[in-house]
PDB file of N, CA and C in Angstrom:
ATOM      1  N   MET A   1      11.144   2.862 -18.042  1.00  0.00           N
ATOM      2  CA  MET A   1      10.262   1.434 -18.192  1.00  0.00           C
ATOM      3  C   MET A   1       9.496   1.524 -16.397  1.00  0.00           C
ATOM      4  N   VAL A   2       8.646   1.438 -16.301  1.00  0.00           N
ATOM      5  CA  VAL A   2       7.787   0.740 -15.561  1.00  0.00           C
ATOM      6  C   VAL A   2       7.436  -0.455 -15.162  1.00  0.00           C
ATOM      7  N   THR A   3       7.824  -0.639 -14.087  1.00  0.00           N
ATOM      8  CA  THR A   3       7.304  -2.264 -13.437  1.00  0.00           C
ATOM      9  C   THR A   3       6.510  -1.611 -12.322  1.00  0.00           C
ATOM     10  N   GLY A   4       5.494  -2.903 -12.155  1.00  0.00           N
ATOM     11  CA  GLY A   4       4.478  -3.224 -11.122  1.00  0.00           C
ATOM     12  C   GLY A   4       4.161  -4.237 -10.991  1.00  0.00           C
ATOM     13  N   ASP A   5       3.881  -4.262  -9.741  1.00  0.00           N
ATOM     14  CA  ASP A   5       3.613  -6.023  -8.544  1.00  0.00           C
ATOM     15  C   ASP A   5       2.624  -5.422  -7.757  1.00  0.00           C
ATOM     16  N   GLU A   6       2.183  -7.450  -7.076  1.00  0.00           N
ATOM     17  CA  GLU A   6       1.156  -6.740  -6.225  1.00  0.00           C
ATOM     18  C   GLU A   6       1.782  -7.842  -5.032  1.00  0.00           C
ATOM     19  N   LYS A   7       1.508  -7.168  -3.935  1.00  0.00           N
ATOM     20  CA  LYS A   7       2.151  -8.220  -2.870  1.00  0.00           C
ATOM     21  C   LYS A   7       0.716  -8.094  -1.440  1.00  0.00           C
ATOM     22  N   CYS A   8       0.837  -9.113  -0.910  1.00  0.00           N
ATOM     23  CA  CYS A   8      -0.057  -8.861   0.431  1.00  0.00           C
ATOM     24  C   CYS A   8       0.466  -8.118   1.759  1.00  0.00           C
ATOM     25  N   VAL A   9       0.014  -7.350   2.176  1.00  0.00           N
ATOM     26  CA  VAL A   9       0.575  -6.711   3.510  1.00  0.00           C
ATOM     27  C   VAL A   9      -0.127  -6.750   4.682  1.00  0.00           C
ATOM     28  N   THR A  10       0.459  -6.661   5.895  1.00  0.00           N
ATOM     29  CA  THR A  10      -0.417  -6.612   7.083  1.00  0.00           C
ATOM     30  C   THR A  10      -0.330  -5.015   7.318  1.00  0.00           C
ATOM     31  N   TYR A  11      -0.917  -4.582   8.219  1.00  0.00           N
ATOM     32  CA  TYR A  11      -1.588  -3.041   8.539  1.00  0.00           C
ATOM     33  C   TYR A  11      -1.710  -3.602   9.972  1.00  0.00           C
ATOM     34  N   ASP A  12      -0.957  -3.256  11.212  1.00  0.00           N
ATOM     35  CA  ASP A  12      -1.572  -3.327  12.411  1.00  0.00           C
ATOM     36  C   ASP A  12      -1.438  -1.913  13.516  1.00  0.00           C
ATOM     37  N   SER A  13      -2.598  -1.356  13.785  1.00  0.00           N
ATOM     38  CA  SER A  13      -2.636  -0.012  14.619  1.00  0.00           C
ATOM     39  C   SER A  13      -2.590  -0.891  15.854  1.00  0.00           C
ATOM     40  N   ILE A  14      -1.512  -0.650  16.581  1.00  0.00           N
ATOM     41  CA  ILE A  14      -1.363  -0.715  17.760  1.00  0.00           C
ATOM     42  C   ILE A  14      -0.919   0.100  18.533  1.00  0.00           C
ATOM     43  N   VAL A  15      -2.190   0.491  19.822  1.00  0.00           N
ATOM     44  CA  VAL A  15      -2.278   1.792  20.473  1.00  0.00           C
ATOM     45  C   VAL A  15      -2.339   1.278  21.646  1.00  0.00           C
ATOM     46  N   ARG A  16      -1.481   1.437  22.458  1.00  0.00           N
ATOM     47  CA  ARG A  16      -1.285   1.126  23.935  1.00  0.00           C
ATOM     48  C   ARG A  16      -1.740   1.765  24.987  1.00  0.00           C
ATOM     49  N   LYS A  17      -2.268   1.577  25.982  1.00  0.00           N
ATOM     50  CA  LYS A  17      -2.574   2.855  26.738  1.00  0.00           C
ATOM     51  C   LYS A  17      -1.657   2.413  28.050  1.00  0.00           C
ATOM     52  N   ARG A  18      -1.772   3.580  28.790  1.00  0.00           N
ATOM     53  CA  ARG A  18      -0.805   3.827  29.842  1.00  0.00           C
ATOM     54  C   ARG A  18      -1.184   3.163  30.475  1.00  0.00           C
ATOM     55  N   SER A  19      -0.799   2.339  31.969  1.00  0.00           N
ATOM     56  CA  SER A  19      -1.253   1.770  32.943  1.00  0.00           C
ATOM     57  C   SER A  19       0.045   2.281  34.119  1.00  0.00           C
ATOM     58  N   SER A  20      -0.873   2.727  35.294  1.00  0.00           N
ATOM     59  CA  SER A  20       0.139   2.948  36.674  1.00  0.00           C
ATOM     60  C   SER A  20      -0.139   2.352  37.411  1.00  0.00           C
ATOM     61  N   SER A  21       0.670   1.675  38.450  1.00  0.00           N
ATOM     62  CA  SER A  21       0.097   0.897  39.613  1.00  0.00           C
ATOM     63  C   SER A  21       1.579   1.510  40.467  1.00  0.00           C
ATOM     64  N   ASN A  22       1.005   1.478  41.973  1.00  0.00           N
ATOM     65  CA  ASN A  22       1.598   1.632  42.775  1.00  0.00           C
ATOM     66  C   ASN A  22       2.770   0.900  43.032  1.00  0.00           C
ATOM     67  N   ARG A  23       3.765   1.359  44.154  1.00  0.00           N
ATOM     68  CA  ARG A  23       5.370   1.035  44.448  1.00  0.00           C
ATOM     69  C   ARG A  23       5.092  -0.273  44.576  1.00  0.00           C
ATOM     70  N   GLY A  24       5.645  -1.123  44.389  1.00  0.00           N
ATOM     71  CA  GLY A  24       5.462  -2.885  44.594  1.00  0.00           C
ATOM     72  C   GLY A  24       4.601  -3.483  43.988  1.00  0.00           C
ATOM     73  N   GLU A  25       3.401  -3.014  43.217  1.00  0.00           N
ATOM     74  CA  GLU A  25       2.175  -3.361  42.705  1.00  0.00           C
ATOM     75  C   GLU A  25       3.362  -3.874  41.027  1.00  0.00           C
ATOM     76  N   LEU A  26       2.807  -5.384  40.940  1.00  0.00           N
ATOM     77  CA  LEU A  26       2.939  -5.120  39.394  1.00  0.00           C
ATOM     78  C   LEU A  26       2.334  -4.899  38.436  1.00  0.00           C
ATOM     79  N   ALA A  27       2.442  -4.244  37.450  1.00  0.00           N
ATOM     80  CA  ALA A  27       2.118  -3.544  36.259  1.00  0.00           C
ATOM     81  C   ALA A  27       0.418  -4.699  35.267  1.00  0.00           C
ATOM     82  N   GLN A  28      -0.561  -4.456  34.928  1.00  0.00           N
ATOM     83  CA  GLN A  28      -1.204  -4.322  34.487  1.00  0.00           C
ATOM     84  C   GLN A  28      -0.610  -5.454  32.962  1.00  0.00           C
ATOM     85  N   MET A  29      -0.943  -6.513  32.778  1.00  0.00           N
ATOM     86  CA  MET A  29      -1.085  -7.352  32.246  1.00  0.00           C
ATOM     87  C   MET A  29      -2.082  -7.309  30.832  1.00  0.00           C
ATOM     88  N   VAL A  30      -1.001  -6.565  29.732  1.00  0.00           N
ATOM     89  CA  VAL A  30      -1.662  -6.214  28.411  1.00  0.00           C
ATOM     90  C   VAL A  30      -1.620  -7.147  27.281  1.00  0.00           C
ATOM     91  N   ALA A  31      -2.975  -8.261  27.166  1.00  0.00           N
ATOM     92  CA  ALA A  31      -2.565  -9.033  25.621  1.00  0.00           C
ATOM     93  C   ALA A  31      -2.122  -8.608  24.743  1.00  0.00           C
ATOM     94  N   LYS A  32      -1.098  -9.137  23.694  1.00  0.00           N
ATOM     95  CA  LYS A  32      -0.857  -9.095  22.223  1.00  0.00           C
ATOM     96  C   LYS A  32      -1.813  -9.230  21.130  1.00  0.00           C
ATOM     97  N   SER A  33      -1.950  -8.678  20.541  1.00  0.00           N
ATOM     98  CA  SER A  33      -2.851  -8.739  19.462  1.00  0.00           C
ATOM     99  C   SER A  33      -2.346 -10.187  18.497  1.00  0.00           C
ATOM    100  N   GLY A  34      -3.395 -11.124  18.702  1.00  0.00           N
ATOM    101  CA  GLY A  34      -3.773 -12.308  17.769  1.00  0.00           C
ATOM    102  C   GLY A  34      -3.085 -12.174  16.214  1.00  0.00           C
ATOM    103  N   LEU A  35      -3.128 -13.158  15.504  1.00  0.00           N
ATOM    104  CA  LEU A  35      -3.012 -13.067  14.606  1.00  0.00           C
ATOM    105  C   LEU A  35      -3.603 -12.885  13.308  1.00  0.00           C
ATOM    106  N   THR A  36      -4.851 -11.750  13.868  1.00  0.00           N
ATOM    107  CA  THR A  36      -5.766 -11.362  13.160  1.00  0.00           C
ATOM    108  C   THR A  36      -5.601 -10.006  12.505  1.00  0.00           C
ATOM    109  N   ALA A  37      -3.939  -9.496  12.290  1.00  0.00           N
ATOM    110  CA  ALA A  37      -3.667  -8.377  11.674  1.00  0.00           C
ATOM    111  C   ALA A  37      -4.248  -8.248  10.423  1.00  0.00           C
ATOM    112  N   LYS A  38      -4.691  -6.724  10.237  1.00  0.00           N
ATOM    113  CA  LYS A  38      -5.732  -6.341   8.884  1.00  0.00           C
ATOM    114  C   LYS A  38      -4.886  -6.745   7.588  1.00  0.00           C
ATOM    115  N   LYS A  39      -5.256  -7.377   6.394  1.00  0.00           N
ATOM    116  CA  LYS A  39      -4.582  -7.531   5.554  1.00  0.00           C
ATOM    117  C   LYS A  39      -5.121  -6.525   4.374  1.00  0.00           C
ATOM    118  N   PHE A  40      -3.815  -6.008   3.607  1.00  0.00           N
ATOM    119  CA  PHE A  40      -4.472  -5.253   2.023  1.00  0.00           C
ATOM    120  C   PHE A  40      -3.038  -5.806   1.026  1.00  0.00           C
ATOM    121  N   LEU A  41      -4.044  -5.914  -0.355  1.00  0.00           N
ATOM    122  CA  LEU A  41      -3.156  -6.310  -1.394  1.00  0.00           C
ATOM    123  C   LEU A  41      -3.056  -5.043  -1.832  1.00  0.00           C
ATOM    124  N   LEU A  42      -1.398  -4.375  -1.936  1.00  0.00           N
ATOM    125  CA  LEU A  42      -0.538  -3.350  -2.148  1.00  0.00           C
ATOM    126  C   LEU A  42      -0.092  -3.833  -3.597  1.00  0.00           C
ATOM    127  N   CYS A  43      -0.966  -2.978  -4.823  1.00  0.00           N
ATOM    128  CA  CYS A  43      -0.453  -3.024  -6.028  1.00  0.00           C
ATOM    129  C   CYS A  43       0.082  -1.604  -5.977  1.00  0.00           C
ATOM    130  N   ILE A  44       1.220  -1.716  -6.767  1.00  0.00           N
ATOM    131  CA  ILE A  44       2.197  -0.593  -6.840  1.00  0.00           C
ATOM    132  C   ILE A  44       3.360  -0.451  -8.333  1.00  0.00           C
ATOM    133  N   TRP A  45       3.519   0.365  -8.369  1.00  0.00           N
ATOM    134  CA  TRP A  45       4.228   0.786  -9.836  1.00  0.00           C
ATOM    135  C   TRP A  45       5.236   1.444  -9.679  1.00  0.00           C
ATOM    136  N   TRP A  46       6.795   1.270  -9.821  1.00  0.00           N
ATOM    137  CA  TRP A  46       8.054   1.879  -9.967  1.00  0.00           C
ATOM    138  C   TRP A  46       8.430   2.035 -10.873  1.00  0.00           C
ATOM    139  N   ASN A  47       9.696   3.089 -11.229  1.00  0.00           N
ATOM    140  CA  ASN A  47      10.797   2.766 -11.527  1.00  0.00           C
ATOM    141  C   ASN A  47      12.335   2.774 -11.488  1.00  0.00           C
ATOM    142  N   TRP A  48      13.058   3.592 -11.576  1.00  0.00           N
ATOM    143  CA  TRP A  48      14.161   3.872 -11.279  1.00  0.00           C
ATOM    144  C   TRP A  48      14.521   4.936 -10.317  1.00  0.00           C
ATOM    145  N   LYS A  49      13.534   5.783 -11.115  1.00  0.00           N
ATOM    146  CA  LYS A  49      13.152   7.148  -9.824  1.00  0.00           C
ATOM    147  C   LYS A  49      12.494   6.992  -8.775  1.00  0.00           C
ATOM    148  N   GLY A  50      12.013   5.978  -8.809  1.00  0.00           N
ATOM    149  CA  GLY A  50      10.958   5.575  -7.087  1.00  0.00           C
ATOM    150  C   GLY A  50       9.796   5.307  -7.721  1.00  0.00           C
ATOM    151  N   ILE A  51       8.558   5.432  -6.654  1.00  0.00           N
ATOM    152  CA  ILE A  51       7.476   5.382  -6.400  1.00  0.00           C
ATOM    153  C   ILE A  51       6.370   5.914  -7.723  1.00  0.00           C
ATOM    154  N   ILE A  52       6.006   5.528  -8.353  1.00  0.00           N
ATOM    155  CA  ILE A  52       5.274   7.018  -9.206  1.00  0.00           C
ATOM    156  C   ILE A  52       3.704   6.148  -8.889  1.00  0.00           C
ATOM    157  N   TYR A  53       3.114   4.926  -8.387  1.00  0.00           N
ATOM    158  CA  TYR A  53       1.836   5.559  -8.540  1.00  0.00           C
ATOM    159  C   TYR A  53       1.224   4.005  -7.469  1.00  0.00           C
ATOM    160  N   TYR A  54       0.700   3.884  -6.525  1.00  0.00           N
ATOM    161  CA  TYR A  54       0.146   2.694  -5.290  1.00  0.00           C
ATOM    162  C   TYR A  54      -1.387   2.597  -5.468  1.00  0.00           C
ATOM    163  N   GLU A  55      -2.243   1.727  -4.534  1.00  0.00           N
ATOM    164  CA  GLU A  55      -3.224   1.294  -4.427  1.00  0.00           C
ATOM    165  C   GLU A  55      -3.251   0.217  -3.377  1.00  0.00           C
ATOM    166  N   LEU A  56      -3.836   0.802  -2.350  1.00  0.00           N
ATOM    167  CA  LEU A  56      -3.939  -0.551  -1.233  1.00  0.00           C
ATOM    168  C   LEU A  56      -5.778  -1.297  -1.785  1.00  0.00           C
ATOM    169  N   LEU A  57      -5.650  -2.252  -1.814  1.00  0.00           N
ATOM    170  CA  LEU A  57      -7.003  -3.086  -2.092  1.00  0.00           C
ATOM    171  C   LEU A  57      -7.325  -4.217  -1.023  1.00  0.00           C
ATOM    172  N   PRO A  58      -8.863  -3.989  -0.109  1.00  0.00           N
ATOM    173  CA  PRO A  58      -8.906  -5.017   0.851  1.00  0.00           C
ATOM    174  C   PRO A  58      -7.976  -6.486   0.512  1.00  0.00           C
ATOM    175  N   TYR A  59      -8.058  -7.168   1.320  1.00  0.00           N
ATOM    176  CA  TYR A  59      -7.142  -8.425   1.505  1.00  0.00           C
ATOM    177  C   TYR A  59      -8.318  -9.427   0.073  1.00  0.00           C
ATOM    178  N   ASP A  60      -9.570  -9.238   0.831  1.00  0.00           N
ATOM    179  CA  ASP A  60     -10.425 -10.242  -0.061  1.00  0.00           C
ATOM    180  C   ASP A  60     -11.100 -10.122  -1.683  1.00  0.00           C
ATOM    181  N   GLN A  61     -10.665  -8.965  -1.833  1.00  0.00           N
ATOM    182  CA  GLN A  61     -10.509  -8.688  -3.123  1.00  0.00           C
ATOM    183  C   GLN A  61      -9.546  -9.481  -4.102  1.00  0.00           C
ATOM    184  N   THR A  62     -10.177  -9.912  -5.589  1.00  0.00           N
ATOM    185  CA  THR A  62      -9.221 -10.239  -6.208  1.00  0.00           C
ATOM    186  C   THR A  62      -8.835  -9.185  -6.971  1.00  0.00           C
ATOM    187  N   LEU A  63      -8.057  -9.107  -7.425  1.00  0.00           N
ATOM    188  CA  LEU A  63      -7.185  -8.740  -8.766  1.00  0.00           C
ATOM    189  C   LEU A  63      -7.492  -8.798  -9.836  1.00  0.00           C
ATOM    190  N   ASN A  64      -8.492  -8.472 -10.791  1.00  0.00           N
ATOM    191  CA  ASN A  64      -8.799  -8.862 -12.503  1.00  0.00           C
ATOM    192  C   ASN A  64      -8.445  -7.323 -13.337  1.00  0.00           C
ATOM    193  N   SER A  65      -9.386  -7.943 -14.181  1.00  0.00           N
ATOM    194  CA  SER A  65      -9.567  -7.010 -15.454  1.00  0.00           C
ATOM    195  C   SER A  65     -10.021  -5.554 -14.529  1.00  0.00           C
ATOM    196  N   ASP A  66     -11.153  -5.831 -14.540  1.00  0.00           N
ATOM    197  CA  ASP A  66     -12.166  -4.389 -14.030  1.00  0.00           C
ATOM    198  C   ASP A  66     -11.417  -3.845 -13.229  1.00  0.00           C
ATOM    199  N   LEU A  67     -10.365  -4.326 -12.195  1.00  0.00           N
ATOM    200  CA  LEU A  67      -9.857  -3.220 -11.251  1.00  0.00           C
ATOM    201  C   LEU A  67      -8.439  -2.853 -11.785  1.00  0.00           C
ATOM    202  N   TYR A  68      -7.667  -3.376 -12.453  1.00  0.00           N
ATOM    203  CA  TYR A  68      -6.454  -3.540 -13.306  1.00  0.00           C
ATOM    204  C   TYR A  68      -6.596  -2.467 -14.000  1.00  0.00           C
ATOM    205  N   CYS A  69      -7.230  -2.238 -15.003  1.00  0.00           N
ATOM    206  CA  CYS A  69      -7.403  -1.482 -16.616  1.00  0.00           C
ATOM    207  C   CYS A  69      -7.618  -0.188 -15.425  1.00  0.00           C
ATOM    208  N   PRO A  70      -8.458  -0.208 -14.684  1.00  0.00           N
ATOM    209  CA  PRO A  70      -8.524   1.397 -14.133  1.00  0.00           C
ATOM    210  C   PRO A  70      -7.338   1.841 -13.413  1.00  0.00           C
ATOM    211  N   GLN A  71      -6.432   0.903 -13.339  1.00  0.00           N
ATOM    212  CA  GLN A  71      -5.221   1.254 -12.211  1.00  0.00           C
ATOM    213  C   GLN A  71      -4.537   1.813 -13.188  1.00  0.00           C
ATOM    214  N   LEU A  72      -4.178   0.825 -14.406  1.00  0.00           N
ATOM    215  CA  LEU A  72      -3.345   1.569 -15.428  1.00  0.00           C
ATOM    216  C   LEU A  72      -3.904   3.070 -16.052  1.00  0.00           C
ATOM    217  N   ASP A  73      -5.221   3.284 -15.905  1.00  0.00           N
ATOM    218  CA  ASP A  73      -5.601   4.379 -16.576  1.00  0.00           C
ATOM    219  C   ASP A  73      -4.717   5.639 -15.436  1.00  0.00           C
ATOM    220  N   HIS A  74      -5.049   5.379 -14.336  1.00  0.00           N
ATOM    221  CA  HIS A  74      -4.600   6.328 -13.277  1.00  0.00           C
ATOM    222  C   HIS A  74      -3.024   6.377 -13.000  1.00  0.00           C
ATOM    223  N   LEU A  75      -2.017   5.570 -13.838  1.00  0.00           N
ATOM    224  CA  LEU A  75      -0.669   5.392 -13.645  1.00  0.00           C
ATOM    225  C   LEU A  75      -0.255   6.216 -15.041  1.00  0.00           C
ATOM    226  N   LYS A  76      -0.906   6.518 -16.210  1.00  0.00           N
ATOM    227  CA  LYS A  76      -0.233   7.445 -16.846  1.00  0.00           C
ATOM    228  C   LYS A  76      -0.278   8.940 -16.215  1.00  0.00           C
ATOM    229  N   PRO A  77      -1.234   9.504 -15.671  1.00  0.00           N
ATOM    230  CA  PRO A  77      -1.202  10.820 -15.440  1.00  0.00           C
ATOM    231  C   PRO A  77      -0.163  10.825 -14.101  1.00  0.00           C
ATOM    232  N   ALA A  78      -0.303   9.500 -13.521  1.00  0.00           N
ATOM    233  CA  ALA A  78       0.786  10.342 -11.791  1.00  0.00           C
ATOM    234  C   ALA A  78       1.882   9.900 -13.198  1.00  0.00           C
ATOM    235  N   ILE A  79       2.541   9.268 -13.729  1.00  0.00           N
ATOM    236  CA  ILE A  79       3.643   9.683 -14.694  1.00  0.00           C
ATOM    237  C   ILE A  79       4.091  10.870 -15.351  1.00  0.00           C
ATOM    238  N   ASP A  80       2.872  11.624 -15.728  1.00  0.00           N
ATOM    239  CA  ASP A  80       2.843  12.796 -16.201  1.00  0.00           C
ATOM    240  C   ASP A  80       3.141  14.060 -15.087  1.00  0.00           C
ATOM    241  N   LYS A  81       2.708  13.991 -13.529  1.00  0.00           N
ATOM    242  CA  LYS A  81       2.524  14.523 -12.695  1.00  0.00           C
ATOM    243  C   LYS A  81       3.710  14.390 -12.421  1.00  0.00           C
ATOM    244  N   LYS A  82       4.830  13.626 -11.963  1.00  0.00           N
ATOM    245  CA  LYS A  82       5.752  13.010 -11.468  1.00  0.00           C
ATOM    246  C   LYS A  82       6.811  13.710 -12.683  1.00  0.00           C
ATOM    247  N   TRP A  83       7.111  12.986 -13.513  1.00  0.00           N
ATOM    248  CA  TRP A  83       7.941  13.222 -14.250  1.00  0.00           C
ATOM    249  C   TRP A  83       7.189  14.019 -15.668  1.00  0.00           C
ATOM    250  N   PRO A  84       6.927  15.500 -15.492  1.00  0.00           N
ATOM    251  CA  PRO A  84       6.889  16.112 -16.894  1.00  0.00           C
ATOM    252  C   PRO A  84       8.040  16.066 -17.228  1.00  0.00           C
ATOM    253  N   GLU A  85       9.078  16.234 -17.183  1.00  0.00           N
ATOM    254  CA  GLU A  85      10.348  15.856 -18.804  1.00  0.00           C
ATOM    255  C   GLU A  85      10.356  14.692 -19.267  1.00  0.00           C
ATOM    256  N   PHE A  86       9.614  13.552 -19.041  1.00  0.00           N
ATOM    257  CA  PHE A  86       9.629  12.528 -20.050  1.00  0.00           C
ATOM    258  C   PHE A  86       8.472  12.984 -21.552  1.00  0.00           C
ATOM    259  N   PRO A  87       8.953  12.484 -22.469  1.00  0.00           N
ATOM    260  CA  PRO A  87       8.559  12.839 -23.821  1.00  0.00           C
ATOM    261  C   PRO A  87       7.001  12.463 -23.821  1.00  0.00           C
ATOM    262  N   LYS A  88       6.327  13.143 -24.102  1.00  0.00           N
ATOM    263  CA  LYS A  88       4.486  13.387 -24.278  1.00  0.00           C
ATOM    264  C   LYS A  88       4.106  12.622 -25.056  1.00  0.00           C
ATOM    265  N   ARG A  89       3.670  11.519 -24.642  1.00  0.00           N
ATOM    266  CA  ARG A  89       3.012  10.750 -25.596  1.00  0.00           C
ATOM    267  C   ARG A  89       1.299  10.760 -25.386  1.00  0.00           C
ATOM    268  N   ARG A  90       0.643  10.282 -26.385  1.00  0.00           N
ATOM    269  CA  ARG A  90      -0.829  10.699 -26.209  1.00  0.00           C
ATOM    270  C   ARG A  90      -0.820   8.828 -25.624  1.00  0.00           C
ATOM    271  N   SER A  91      -0.195   8.628 -25.565  1.00  0.00           N
ATOM    272  CA  SER A  91      -1.041   7.081 -24.709  1.00  0.00           C
ATOM    273  C   SER A  91       0.136   6.057 -24.022  1.00  0.00           C
ATOM    274  N   VAL A  92      -0.431   5.734 -22.981  1.00  0.00           N
ATOM    275  CA  VAL A  92       1.005   4.436 -22.416  1.00  0.00           C
ATOM    276  C   VAL A  92       0.996   3.465 -23.723  1.00  0.00           C
ATOM    277  N   VAL A  93       2.463   2.963 -23.447  1.00  0.00           N
ATOM    278  CA  VAL A  93       2.983   2.165 -24.674  1.00  0.00           C
ATOM    279  C   VAL A  93       3.358   0.761 -23.908  1.00  0.00           C
ATOM    280  N   PHE A  94       2.611  -0.408 -23.541  1.00  0.00           N
ATOM    281  CA  PHE A  94       2.826  -1.617 -22.888  1.00  0.00           C
ATOM    282  C   PHE A  94       3.610  -2.115 -23.857  1.00  0.00           C
ATOM    283  N   HIS A  95       4.909  -2.641 -23.026  1.00  0.00           N
ATOM    284  CA  HIS A  95       5.536  -4.005 -23.843  1.00  0.00           C
ATOM    285  C   HIS A  95       5.401  -4.489 -23.733  1.00  0.00           C
TER     286      HIS A  95
END
């Protein structure tokens, strides 16, 4: 059995620069990033053995049948590649 779900996740790549100061001087203040973290839509499929396949979509992109069907087409080869011991089938069987 394979389970799938979608979740909005944030991605924040903070790179801090070193600053130096002389003895007795205050260090430079660095402003923290605001609430503008990048968001992605994580589409993920897994089973009891672990993650099988995932895709990251832009946050403003809506998951619809035009995106979902190709993801399912990518899921079957990912299952075959990760676990070739599973019985071979001609297609994925949905419940």
